[in-house]
Structures are given as structure tokens and as C-alpha cells.
C-alpha atoms as a PDB file:
ATOM      1  CA  ILE A   1      -6.176  -8.948  -0.398  1.00  0.00           C
ATOM      2  CA  LEU A   2      -7.415  -9.134   3.190  1.00  0.00           C
ATOM      3  CA  ARG A   3      -5.443 -10.214   6.197  1.00  0.00           C
ATOM      4  CA  ALA A   4      -6.688 -13.589   7.398  1.00  0.00           C
ATOM      5  CA  ASP A   5      -7.915 -11.998  10.654  1.00  0.00           C
ATOM      6  CA  PHE A   6      -9.475  -8.985   8.922  1.00  0.00           C
ATOM      7  CA  ALA A   7     -12.921  -9.133  10.578  1.00  0.00           C
ATOM      8  CA  ASP A   8     -11.565  -9.501  14.118  1.00  0.00           C
ATOM      9  CA  ALA A   9      -8.732  -6.988  13.647  1.00  0.00           C
ATOM     10  CA  ALA A  10     -11.073  -4.395  12.110  1.00  0.00           C
ATOM     11  CA  ALA A  11     -13.595  -4.813  14.930  1.00  0.00           C
ATOM     12  CA  ARG A  12     -10.835  -4.365  17.549  1.00  0.00           C
ATOM     13  CA  ALA A  13      -9.545  -1.248  15.792  1.00  0.00           C
ATOM     14  CA  LEU A  14     -13.023   0.316  15.594  1.00  0.00           C
ATOM     15  CA  GLU A  15     -13.659  -0.239  19.320  1.00  0.00           C
ATOM     16  CA  GLY A  16     -11.314   2.562  20.297  1.00  0.00           C
ATOM     17  CA  ILE A  17     -12.499   5.441  18.095  1.00  0.00           C
ATOM     18  CA  GLY A  18     -16.178   6.052  18.894  1.00  0.00           C
ATOM     19  CA  ASP A  19     -18.145   7.621  16.058  1.00  0.00           C
ATOM     20  CA  TRP A  20     -16.552   7.480  12.620  1.00  0.00           C
ATOM     21  CA  ASP A  21     -17.522   8.348   9.059  1.00  0.00           C
ATOM     22  CA  ILE A  22     -15.037   6.386   6.939  1.00  0.00           C
ATOM     23  CA  VAL A  23     -12.098   4.051   7.598  1.00  0.00           C
ATOM     24  CA  LEU A  24      -9.580   3.087   4.943  1.00  0.00           C
ATOM     25  CA  TRP A  25      -8.274  -0.422   5.538  1.00  0.00           C
ATOM     26  CA  THR A  26      -5.800   0.096   2.679  1.00  0.00           C
ATOM     27  CA  TRP A  27      -4.893   2.745   0.106  1.00  0.00           C
ATOM     28  CA  ASN A  28      -2.912   3.001  -3.108  1.00  0.00           C
ATOM     29  CA  PHE A  29       0.716   2.525  -2.150  1.00  0.00           C
ATOM     30  CA  ASP A  30       1.901   4.586  -5.132  1.00  0.00           C
ATOM     31  CA  MET A  31       0.705   7.820  -3.452  1.00  0.00           C
ATOM     32  CA  PRO A  32       1.439   9.208   0.022  1.00  0.00           C
ATOM     33  CA  LEU A  33      -0.961   8.510   2.862  1.00  0.00           C
ATOM     34  CA  GLN A  34      -1.583  11.740   4.787  1.00  0.00           C
ATOM     35  CA  LEU A  35      -2.228  11.376   8.518  1.00  0.00           C
ATOM     36  CA  ASP A  36      -2.909  13.851  11.318  1.00  0.00           C
ATOM     37  CA  LEU A  37      -0.344  13.350  14.082  1.00  0.00           C
ATOM     38  CA  GLY A  38      -2.564  15.094  16.626  1.00  0.00           C
ATOM     39  CA  GLY A  39      -1.592  17.652  19.204  1.00  0.00           C
ATOM     40  CA  GLY A  40      -1.567  20.446  16.649  1.00  0.00           C
ATOM     41  CA  LEU A  41       1.345  18.902  14.786  1.00  0.00           C
ATOM     42  CA  ALA A  42       1.563  18.999  11.008  1.00  0.00           C
ATOM     43  CA  THR A  43       0.205  16.340   8.707  1.00  0.00           C
ATOM     44  CA  ALA A  44       2.551  13.374   8.257  1.00  0.00           C
ATOM     45  CA  HIS A  45       3.064  11.784   4.851  1.00  0.00           C
ATOM     46  CA  LEU A  46       3.605   8.043   4.808  1.00  0.00           C
ATOM     47  CA  LEU A  47       5.380   6.730   1.711  1.00  0.00           C
ATOM     48  CA  GLN A  48       5.043   3.015   1.077  1.00  0.00           C
ATOM     49  CA  ASP A  49       7.161   0.598  -0.927  1.00  0.00           C
ATOM     50  CA  LEU A  50       4.776  -0.454  -3.684  1.00  0.00           C
ATOM     51  CA  ASP A  51       7.074  -3.264  -4.800  1.00  0.00           C
ATOM     52  CA  ALA A  52       7.320  -4.840  -1.322  1.00  0.00           C
ATOM     53  CA  ILE A  53       3.908  -6.534  -1.558  1.00  0.00           C
ATOM     54  CA  ARG A  54       4.909  -7.992  -4.930  1.00  0.00           C
ATOM     55  CA  ALA A  55       8.008  -9.732  -3.539  1.00  0.00           C
ATOM     56  CA  PRO A  56       7.932 -13.548  -3.382  1.00  0.00           C
ATOM     57  CA  GLY A  57       6.000 -14.670  -0.302  1.00  0.00           C
ATOM     58  CA  ALA A  58       4.915 -11.123   0.642  1.00  0.00           C
ATOM     59  CA  VAL A  59       1.184 -11.748   0.238  1.00  0.00           C
ATOM     60  CA  ASP A  60       1.366 -14.884   2.408  1.00  0.00           C
ATOM     61  CA  ARG A  61       3.333 -13.015   5.098  1.00  0.00           C
ATOM     62  CA  PHE A  62       0.830 -10.162   4.979  1.00  0.00           C
ATOM     63  CA  ARG A  63      -2.170 -12.481   5.293  1.00  0.00           C
ATOM     64  CA  ALA A  64      -0.558 -14.216   8.288  1.00  0.00           C
ATOM     65  CA  ALA A  65       0.371 -10.965  10.104  1.00  0.00           C
ATOM     66  CA  ARG A  66      -1.327 -10.216  13.414  1.00  0.00           C
ATOM     67  CA  ASP A  67       0.013  -6.745  14.240  1.00  0.00           C
ATOM     68  CA  PRO A  68      -2.761  -4.660  15.818  1.00  0.00           C
ATOM     69  CA  ALA A  69      -4.077  -1.942  13.521  1.00  0.00           C
ATOM     70  CA  LEU A  70      -4.265   1.555  14.937  1.00  0.00           C
ATOM     71  CA  LEU A  71      -6.728   3.965  13.357  1.00  0.00           C
ATOM     72  CA  SER A  72      -5.036   7.270  12.685  1.00  0.00           C
ATOM     73  CA  PRO A  73      -6.937  10.423  11.672  1.00  0.00           C
ATOM     74  CA  LEU A  74      -6.859  10.618   7.887  1.00  0.00           C
ATOM     75  CA  ARG A  75      -6.151  13.800   5.925  1.00  0.00           C
ATOM     76  CA  GLY A  76      -5.618  12.416   2.424  1.00  0.00           C
ATOM     77  CA  ALA A  77      -5.189   9.192   0.468  1.00  0.00           C
ATOM     78  CA  SER A  78      -5.662   7.652  -2.937  1.00  0.00           C
ATOM     79  CA  GLY A  79      -7.540   4.451  -3.552  1.00  0.00           C
ATOM     80  CA  THR A  80     -10.821   2.794  -2.676  1.00  0.00           C
ATOM     81  CA  ALA A  81      -9.726  -0.842  -2.583  1.00  0.00           C
ATOM     82  CA  CYS A  82     -11.038  -1.583   0.926  1.00  0.00           C
ATOM     83  CA  TYR A  83     -12.909   0.783   3.212  1.00  0.00           C
ATOM     84  CA  SER A  84     -15.890   1.003   5.540  1.00  0.00           C
ATOM     85  CA  VAL A  85     -18.380   3.883   5.575  1.00  0.00           C
ATOM     86  CA  SER A  86     -20.873   4.461   8.362  1.00  0.00           C
ATOM     87  CA  PRO A  87     -24.441   5.427   7.394  1.00  0.00           C
ATOM     88  CA  ILE A  88     -23.857   8.979   8.667  1.00  0.00           C
ATOM     89  CA  GLY A  89     -20.504   9.101   6.845  1.00  0.00           C
ATOM     90  CA  ALA A  90     -22.160   7.995   3.610  1.00  0.00           C
ATOM     91  CA  ALA A  91     -24.735  10.773   3.908  1.00  0.00           C
ATOM     92  CA  ARG A  92     -22.035  13.354   4.660  1.00  0.00           C
ATOM     93  CA  LEU A  93     -19.869  12.208   1.754  1.00  0.00           C
ATOM     94  CA  LEU A  94     -22.764  12.190  -0.679  1.00  0.00           C
ATOM     95  CA  ALA A  95     -23.880  15.675   0.346  1.00  0.00           C
ATOM     96  CA  ALA A  96     -20.334  17.075   0.087  1.00  0.00           C
ATOM     97  CA  SER A  97     -19.232  15.295  -3.090  1.00  0.00           C
ATOM     98  CA  LEU A  98     -21.834  16.197  -5.690  1.00  0.00           C
ATOM     99  CA  PRO A  99     -21.011  17.082  -8.379  1.00  0.00           C
ATOM    100  CA  ILE A 100     -18.000  14.768  -8.400  1.00  0.00           C
ATOM    101  CA  GLY A 101     -14.956  16.192 -10.126  1.00  0.00           C
ATOM    102  CA  ALA A 102     -15.873  19.832  -9.647  1.00  0.00           C
ATOM    103  CA  GLN A 103     -12.754  20.761  -7.654  1.00  0.00           C
ATOM    104  CA  PRO A 104      -9.104  19.670  -7.727  1.00  0.00           C
ATOM    105  CA  ILE A 105      -7.171  18.808  -4.563  1.00  0.00           C
ATOM    106  CA  PRO A 106      -3.687  19.873  -3.428  1.00  0.00           C
ATOM    107  CA  ALA A 107      -1.016  17.382  -4.481  1.00  0.00           C
ATOM    108  CA  PRO A 108       0.636  15.723  -1.478  1.00  0.00           C
ATOM    109  CA  LEU A 109       4.262  16.800  -1.012  1.00  0.00           C
ATOM    110  CA  GLN A 110       3.985  19.282  -3.917  1.00  0.00           C
ATOM    111  CA  PRO A 111       3.045  22.742  -2.574  1.00  0.00           C
ATOM    112  CA  GLY A 112       1.120  24.814  -5.091  1.00  0.00           C
ATOM    113  CA  VAL A 113       0.338  21.829  -7.344  1.00  0.00           C
ATOM    114  CA  ALA A 114      -3.243  20.617  -7.746  1.00  0.00           C
ATOM    115  CA  LEU A 115      -4.414  17.144  -8.754  1.00  0.00           C
ATOM    116  CA  ALA A 116      -7.252  16.864 -11.227  1.00  0.00           C
ATOM    117  CA  ASN A 117     -10.309  15.284  -9.701  1.00  0.00           C
ATOM    118  CA  THR A 118     -10.362  12.205 -11.954  1.00  0.00           C
ATOM    119  CA  GLY A 119     -11.867   9.585  -9.675  1.00  0.00           C
ATOM    120  CA  ILE A 120     -13.967   8.917  -6.626  1.00  0.00           C
ATOM    121  CA  ASP A 121     -10.851   8.426  -4.472  1.00  0.00           C
ATOM    122  CA  VAL A 122      -9.706  11.988  -5.258  1.00  0.00           C
ATOM    123  CA  GLU A 123     -13.165  13.327  -4.462  1.00  0.00           C
ATOM    124  CA  LEU A 124     -13.303  11.421  -1.170  1.00  0.00           C
ATOM    125  CA  SER A 125      -9.831  12.653  -0.245  1.00  0.00           C
ATOM    126  CA  ARG A 126     -11.036  16.253  -0.601  1.00  0.00           C
ATOM    127  CA  HIS A 127     -13.399  15.672   2.315  1.00  0.00           C
ATOM    128  CA  TYR A 128     -11.357  13.556   4.757  1.00  0.00           C
ATOM    129  CA  PRO A 129     -10.135  16.557   6.816  1.00  0.00           C
ATOM    130  CA  GLN A 130     -13.733  17.612   7.556  1.00  0.00           C
ATOM    131  CA  LEU A 131     -14.891  14.100   8.482  1.00  0.00           C
ATOM    132  CA  ARG A 132     -14.187  11.568  11.185  1.00  0.00           C
ATOM    133  CA  ALA A 133     -11.964   9.746   8.702  1.00  0.00           C
ATOM    134  CA  PHE A 134      -9.301   7.207   9.663  1.00  0.00           C
ATOM    135  CA  ALA A 135      -6.718   4.918   8.089  1.00  0.00           C
ATOM    136  CA  ALA A 136      -5.554   1.595   9.525  1.00  0.00           C
ATOM    137  CA  VAL A 137      -1.825   1.454  10.246  1.00  0.00           C
ATOM    138  CA  PRO A 138      -0.649  -1.112   9.439  1.00  0.00           C
ATOM    139  CA  PRO A 139      -3.228  -1.747   6.719  1.00  0.00           C
ATOM    140  CA  LEU A 140      -5.545  -4.732   7.090  1.00  0.00           C
ATOM    141  CA  ALA A 141      -5.837  -5.105   3.322  1.00  0.00           C
ATOM    142  CA  VAL A 142      -3.522  -4.502   0.374  1.00  0.00           C
ATOM    143  CA  THR A 143      -4.000  -4.127  -3.334  1.00  0.00           C
ATOM    144  CA  LEU A 144      -1.559  -5.101  -6.051  1.00  0.00           C
ATOM    145  CA  ILE A 145      -2.250  -1.896  -7.957  1.00  0.00           C
ATOM    146  CA  ASP A 146      -0.283  -1.428 -11.155  1.00  0.00           C
ATOM    147  CA  PRO A 147      -0.094   2.342 -11.800  1.00  0.00           C
ATOM    148  CA  ALA A 148       1.053   1.714 -15.384  1.00  0.00           C
ATOM    149  CA  ALA A 149      -2.000  -0.408 -16.180  1.00  0.00           C
ATOM    150  CA  THR A 150      -4.760   1.527 -14.404  1.00  0.00           C
ATOM    151  CA  THR A 151      -7.772   2.555 -16.440  1.00  0.00           C
ATOM    152  CA  VAL A 152      -9.191   4.860 -13.768  1.00  0.00           C
ATOM    153  CA  GLN A 153      -7.345   8.028 -14.806  1.00  0.00           C
ATOM    154  CA  VAL A 154      -7.059   9.509 -18.250  1.00  0.00           C
END
């Protein structure tokens, strides 16, 4: 689900970052979004309320929102519902990702725990720290993901 002003808001957000490889306009709200706070500070983990977008009227309010999106350096995320990849970013991701599923990734907020590499979003997340990767905050798109009904993971 895109915000009604998605094209204009995305273009405005991209103006301020120069070269980029990948931008997530949304992510799976059932997993933490990991952002680089800059200045040598630690990675921040953003936890979202997955049920909030399902509340009556929430989608209409989201689509009507006009809050400017800031692009924050991305360190990890789940989901590939809405993103943009530059040509250079696509080449970098392809070169780094094959074979897909070869390596697990650290679980966010669970030191010492690894996530199996079961989907393209996990594979992409492995590479965000080495790329010019960003996430839009607030998101310019949302997905009504149902973790209980997903067929992506086994």
C-alpha cells in the first residue's frame, strides 16, 4: 500500500542522499528495522506495531499522510514489499548474494543467535551494512503482512 504522494515524497527523500544502492520504502513490521544512528553510535532497532496498520481507518490515514520521509542508513531489515535499487546497487547485490542462502545472519536483538537464510530479504539484509542502503522513516509504503500465513519461510 503506497502513500498517495509516494512518487513525490520518494523523489524528495532521494534528493538529499547522493549516490545510493538500495532504499527500502517499507519493511516487514513483525521484525526490527536496524538503522545506523551515525556519529559512531550503535545501531538502533526500531520495533513497529504490526497491528496498528490493521486498525479501522489506518490504511486511509496512512495514504493521506504527508510527513516528510527521511532516509536513514540501513543495517538490517526483513521484507521486500517496496524498494528501489539503483543499477550499481543491483550489480553489487547480485555479485555479493550468489549463491543465495549460503550464510545465515545475526538475529536482531538476540546476540549469538543466527537466522537461517530462507529468503531474498534475509540475503539482502546480510549486505546492507556494506552498501549505501537506506530506509524511509516514516515508511512511504506499508504491507499487511500476516506472519502466520506467510509461505515464504519453511
